Amino acid sequence: MITIEIMTEFLGWCSVINIGMLTLSSMFVILFKDTAVKIHTTMFKVDKTFLDQEYFKYLGHYKVITIIFNIVPYFALKIMT
C-alpha cells in the first residue's frame, strides 16, 4: 500500500532526477550547440533558426512538465503531512 510519505518521497526523487536532466540538457544545448545543430541539420534537413526555436521549446516544455507533474504534487503532499 502506498502511503502519503512514500508518495512524497517518490515525487521528491522524481523532481531531483528531472531537474538534473533539465540541467544536463540545458548545459548540452549551451556548450555543444554547434555540434548539435550540425548533427540535427544533417539528420533532419532543417534550418538552423528552426532548431534554435525547437531547442528553446523543448527546454521550456520539459521545465513546465517537471513543475506541474513533480514539484507541485510534491509540495502539495508536503503541506498535507
N, C-alpha and C. Protein backbone atom coordinates (compact mmCIF):
# COMPACT_ATOMS: atom_id res chain seq x y z
N MET A 1 0.84 -1.18 0.00
CA MET A 1 0.00 0.00 0.00
C MET A 1 0.89 1.25 0.00
N ILE A 2 0.53 2.18 -0.83
CA ILE A 2 1.30 3.42 -0.94
C ILE A 2 0.75 4.44 0.06
N THR A 3 1.63 4.92 0.90
CA THR A 3 1.24 5.93 1.86
C THR A 3 1.63 7.32 1.34
N ILE A 4 1.16 8.34 2.02
CA ILE A 4 1.49 9.71 1.62
C ILE A 4 2.99 9.95 1.74
N GLU A 5 3.62 9.37 2.75
CA GLU A 5 5.05 9.54 2.93
C GLU A 5 5.84 8.92 1.78
N ILE A 6 5.42 7.72 1.36
CA ILE A 6 6.10 7.05 0.25
C ILE A 6 5.92 7.85 -1.04
N MET A 7 4.71 8.32 -1.29
CA MET A 7 4.44 9.10 -2.50
C MET A 7 5.21 10.42 -2.48
N THR A 8 5.32 11.04 -1.31
CA THR A 8 6.09 12.28 -1.19
C THR A 8 7.55 12.04 -1.50
N GLU A 9 8.11 10.98 -0.95
CA GLU A 9 9.50 10.65 -1.22
C GLU A 9 9.71 10.33 -2.70
N PHE A 10 8.79 9.58 -3.28
CA PHE A 10 8.87 9.24 -4.71
C PHE A 10 8.87 10.49 -5.58
N LEU A 11 7.94 11.40 -5.33
CA LEU A 11 7.87 12.63 -6.11
C LEU A 11 9.08 13.53 -5.88
N GLY A 12 9.62 13.50 -4.66
CA GLY A 12 10.83 14.26 -4.38
C GLY A 12 12.00 13.77 -5.22
N TRP A 13 12.18 12.45 -5.29
CA TRP A 13 13.27 11.91 -6.09
C TRP A 13 13.01 12.10 -7.58
N CYS A 14 11.77 11.99 -8.00
CA CYS A 14 11.44 12.28 -9.41
C CYS A 14 11.79 13.72 -9.75
N SER A 15 11.51 14.63 -8.84
CA SER A 15 11.85 16.04 -9.06
C SER A 15 13.34 16.24 -9.17
N VAL A 16 14.10 15.61 -8.30
CA VAL A 16 15.56 15.73 -8.33
C VAL A 16 16.12 15.20 -9.65
N ILE A 17 15.64 14.04 -10.07
CA ILE A 17 16.11 13.44 -11.32
C ILE A 17 15.74 14.31 -12.51
N ASN A 18 14.50 14.80 -12.55
CA ASN A 18 14.07 15.63 -13.68
C ASN A 18 14.79 16.97 -13.72
N ILE A 19 15.04 17.57 -12.57
CA ILE A 19 15.79 18.82 -12.55
C ILE A 19 17.23 18.57 -13.01
N GLY A 20 17.79 17.45 -12.62
CA GLY A 20 19.13 17.08 -13.10
C GLY A 20 19.16 16.88 -14.62
N MET A 21 18.15 16.21 -15.15
CA MET A 21 18.07 16.02 -16.60
C MET A 21 17.89 17.35 -17.33
N LEU A 22 17.07 18.23 -16.76
CA LEU A 22 16.87 19.55 -17.35
C LEU A 22 18.17 20.34 -17.34
N THR A 23 18.91 20.27 -16.26
CA THR A 23 20.19 20.96 -16.16
C THR A 23 21.19 20.41 -17.17
N LEU A 24 21.28 19.10 -17.28
CA LEU A 24 22.19 18.49 -18.26
C LEU A 24 21.80 18.86 -19.68
N SER A 25 20.51 18.83 -19.98
CA SER A 25 20.04 19.19 -21.32
C SER A 25 20.36 20.65 -21.63
N SER A 26 20.13 21.52 -20.66
CA SER A 26 20.43 22.94 -20.86
C SER A 26 21.92 23.16 -21.08
N MET A 27 22.74 22.50 -20.28
CA MET A 27 24.19 22.63 -20.44
C MET A 27 24.65 22.08 -21.79
N PHE A 28 24.06 20.98 -22.21
CA PHE A 28 24.41 20.41 -23.51
C PHE A 28 24.07 21.38 -24.63
N VAL A 29 22.89 21.99 -24.58
CA VAL A 29 22.48 22.94 -25.61
C VAL A 29 23.39 24.17 -25.59
N ILE A 30 23.76 24.62 -24.41
CA ILE A 30 24.62 25.81 -24.31
C ILE A 30 26.05 25.50 -24.77
N LEU A 31 26.62 24.41 -24.28
CA LEU A 31 28.03 24.13 -24.53
C LEU A 31 28.30 23.48 -25.89
N PHE A 32 27.39 22.65 -26.35
CA PHE A 32 27.62 21.90 -27.59
C PHE A 32 26.58 22.22 -28.66
N LYS A 33 26.12 23.46 -28.68
CA LYS A 33 25.06 23.85 -29.61
C LYS A 33 25.49 23.67 -31.06
N ASP A 34 26.70 24.10 -31.41
CA ASP A 34 27.16 23.99 -32.80
C ASP A 34 27.19 22.54 -33.26
N THR A 35 27.68 21.66 -32.40
CA THR A 35 27.72 20.24 -32.75
C THR A 35 26.32 19.66 -32.88
N ALA A 36 25.44 20.01 -31.97
CA ALA A 36 24.07 19.50 -32.02
C ALA A 36 23.35 20.01 -33.26
N VAL A 37 23.55 21.29 -33.58
CA VAL A 37 22.91 21.85 -34.78
C VAL A 37 23.43 21.15 -36.02
N LYS A 38 24.73 20.91 -36.09
CA LYS A 38 25.30 20.23 -37.25
C LYS A 38 24.71 18.82 -37.42
N ILE A 39 24.61 18.10 -36.30
CA ILE A 39 24.05 16.75 -36.35
C ILE A 39 22.58 16.78 -36.77
N HIS A 40 21.79 17.65 -36.17
CA HIS A 40 20.35 17.68 -36.45
C HIS A 40 20.03 18.23 -37.83
N THR A 41 20.80 19.21 -38.31
CA THR A 41 20.55 19.70 -39.67
C THR A 41 20.89 18.63 -40.70
N THR A 42 21.90 17.84 -40.42
CA THR A 42 22.26 16.75 -41.33
C THR A 42 21.21 15.63 -41.29
N MET A 43 20.79 15.26 -40.09
CA MET A 43 19.84 14.15 -39.95
C MET A 43 18.45 14.49 -40.48
N PHE A 44 17.96 15.69 -40.15
CA PHE A 44 16.57 16.01 -40.42
C PHE A 44 16.37 17.05 -41.51
N LYS A 45 17.45 17.56 -42.08
CA LYS A 45 17.39 18.55 -43.17
C LYS A 45 16.51 19.75 -42.80
N VAL A 46 16.79 20.36 -41.65
CA VAL A 46 16.04 21.53 -41.19
C VAL A 46 16.99 22.72 -41.07
N ASP A 47 16.40 23.90 -41.02
CA ASP A 47 17.16 25.14 -40.93
C ASP A 47 17.67 25.38 -39.51
N LYS A 48 18.81 26.07 -39.40
CA LYS A 48 19.41 26.35 -38.10
C LYS A 48 18.50 27.20 -37.22
N THR A 49 17.82 28.19 -37.79
CA THR A 49 16.93 29.04 -36.98
C THR A 49 15.75 28.24 -36.44
N PHE A 50 15.28 27.27 -37.21
CA PHE A 50 14.20 26.39 -36.74
C PHE A 50 14.68 25.58 -35.54
N LEU A 51 15.91 25.09 -35.60
CA LEU A 51 16.44 24.30 -34.49
C LEU A 51 16.60 25.13 -33.23
N ASP A 52 17.03 26.38 -33.37
CA ASP A 52 17.13 27.25 -32.20
C ASP A 52 15.79 27.35 -31.50
N GLN A 53 14.73 27.54 -32.25
CA GLN A 53 13.38 27.62 -31.67
C GLN A 53 12.97 26.30 -31.03
N GLU A 54 13.29 25.20 -31.68
CA GLU A 54 12.91 23.89 -31.16
C GLU A 54 13.65 23.55 -29.86
N TYR A 55 14.93 23.89 -29.79
CA TYR A 55 15.68 23.66 -28.55
C TYR A 55 15.06 24.45 -27.40
N PHE A 56 14.71 25.71 -27.68
CA PHE A 56 14.10 26.56 -26.66
C PHE A 56 12.75 26.00 -26.23
N LYS A 57 11.93 25.56 -27.19
CA LYS A 57 10.62 24.99 -26.86
C LYS A 57 10.76 23.70 -26.06
N TYR A 58 11.73 22.86 -26.45
CA TYR A 58 11.96 21.60 -25.74
C TYR A 58 12.29 21.86 -24.28
N LEU A 59 13.23 22.76 -24.03
CA LEU A 59 13.63 23.04 -22.65
C LEU A 59 12.48 23.68 -21.87
N GLY A 60 11.72 24.56 -22.50
CA GLY A 60 10.58 25.18 -21.83
C GLY A 60 9.50 24.18 -21.49
N HIS A 61 9.17 23.29 -22.43
CA HIS A 61 8.14 22.28 -22.17
C HIS A 61 8.58 21.31 -21.08
N TYR A 62 9.84 20.91 -21.12
CA TYR A 62 10.36 19.99 -20.11
C TYR A 62 10.28 20.61 -18.72
N LYS A 63 10.62 21.90 -18.63
CA LYS A 63 10.57 22.60 -17.35
C LYS A 63 9.14 22.68 -16.83
N VAL A 64 8.20 23.04 -17.69
CA VAL A 64 6.80 23.17 -17.27
C VAL A 64 6.24 21.81 -16.84
N ILE A 65 6.54 20.77 -17.60
CA ILE A 65 6.04 19.43 -17.25
C ILE A 65 6.63 18.97 -15.92
N THR A 66 7.91 19.24 -15.70
CA THR A 66 8.54 18.87 -14.42
C THR A 66 7.88 19.60 -13.26
N ILE A 67 7.60 20.88 -13.44
CA ILE A 67 6.95 21.65 -12.37
C ILE A 67 5.56 21.12 -12.10
N ILE A 68 4.78 20.91 -13.16
CA ILE A 68 3.37 20.51 -12.99
C ILE A 68 3.23 19.09 -12.43
N PHE A 69 4.03 18.15 -12.95
CA PHE A 69 3.82 16.75 -12.58
C PHE A 69 4.71 16.24 -11.46
N ASN A 70 5.73 16.99 -11.07
CA ASN A 70 6.61 16.52 -10.00
C ASN A 70 6.67 17.48 -8.82
N ILE A 71 7.00 18.73 -9.08
CA ILE A 71 7.27 19.67 -7.99
C ILE A 71 6.00 20.10 -7.29
N VAL A 72 4.97 20.47 -8.04
CA VAL A 72 3.71 20.92 -7.41
C VAL A 72 3.07 19.80 -6.58
N PRO A 73 2.94 18.56 -7.11
CA PRO A 73 2.39 17.50 -6.26
C PRO A 73 3.25 17.20 -5.03
N TYR A 74 4.58 17.32 -5.19
CA TYR A 74 5.46 17.10 -4.05
C TYR A 74 5.17 18.10 -2.94
N PHE A 75 5.08 19.39 -3.29
CA PHE A 75 4.79 20.39 -2.26
C PHE A 75 3.38 20.24 -1.70
N ALA A 76 2.44 19.84 -2.52
CA ALA A 76 1.08 19.61 -2.02
C ALA A 76 1.08 18.49 -0.97
N LEU A 77 1.79 17.44 -1.23
CA LEU A 77 1.87 16.34 -0.26
C LEU A 77 2.65 16.74 0.98
N LYS A 78 3.69 17.57 0.81
CA LYS A 78 4.42 18.06 1.97
C LYS A 78 3.52 18.90 2.87
N ILE A 79 2.66 19.70 2.27
CA ILE A 79 1.73 20.53 3.05
C ILE A 79 0.74 19.64 3.79
N MET A 80 0.31 18.54 3.17
CA MET A 80 -0.67 17.65 3.79
C MET A 80 -0.12 16.93 5.00
N THR A 81 1.19 16.66 5.02
CA THR A 81 1.75 15.87 6.12
C THR A 81 2.34 16.73 7.21
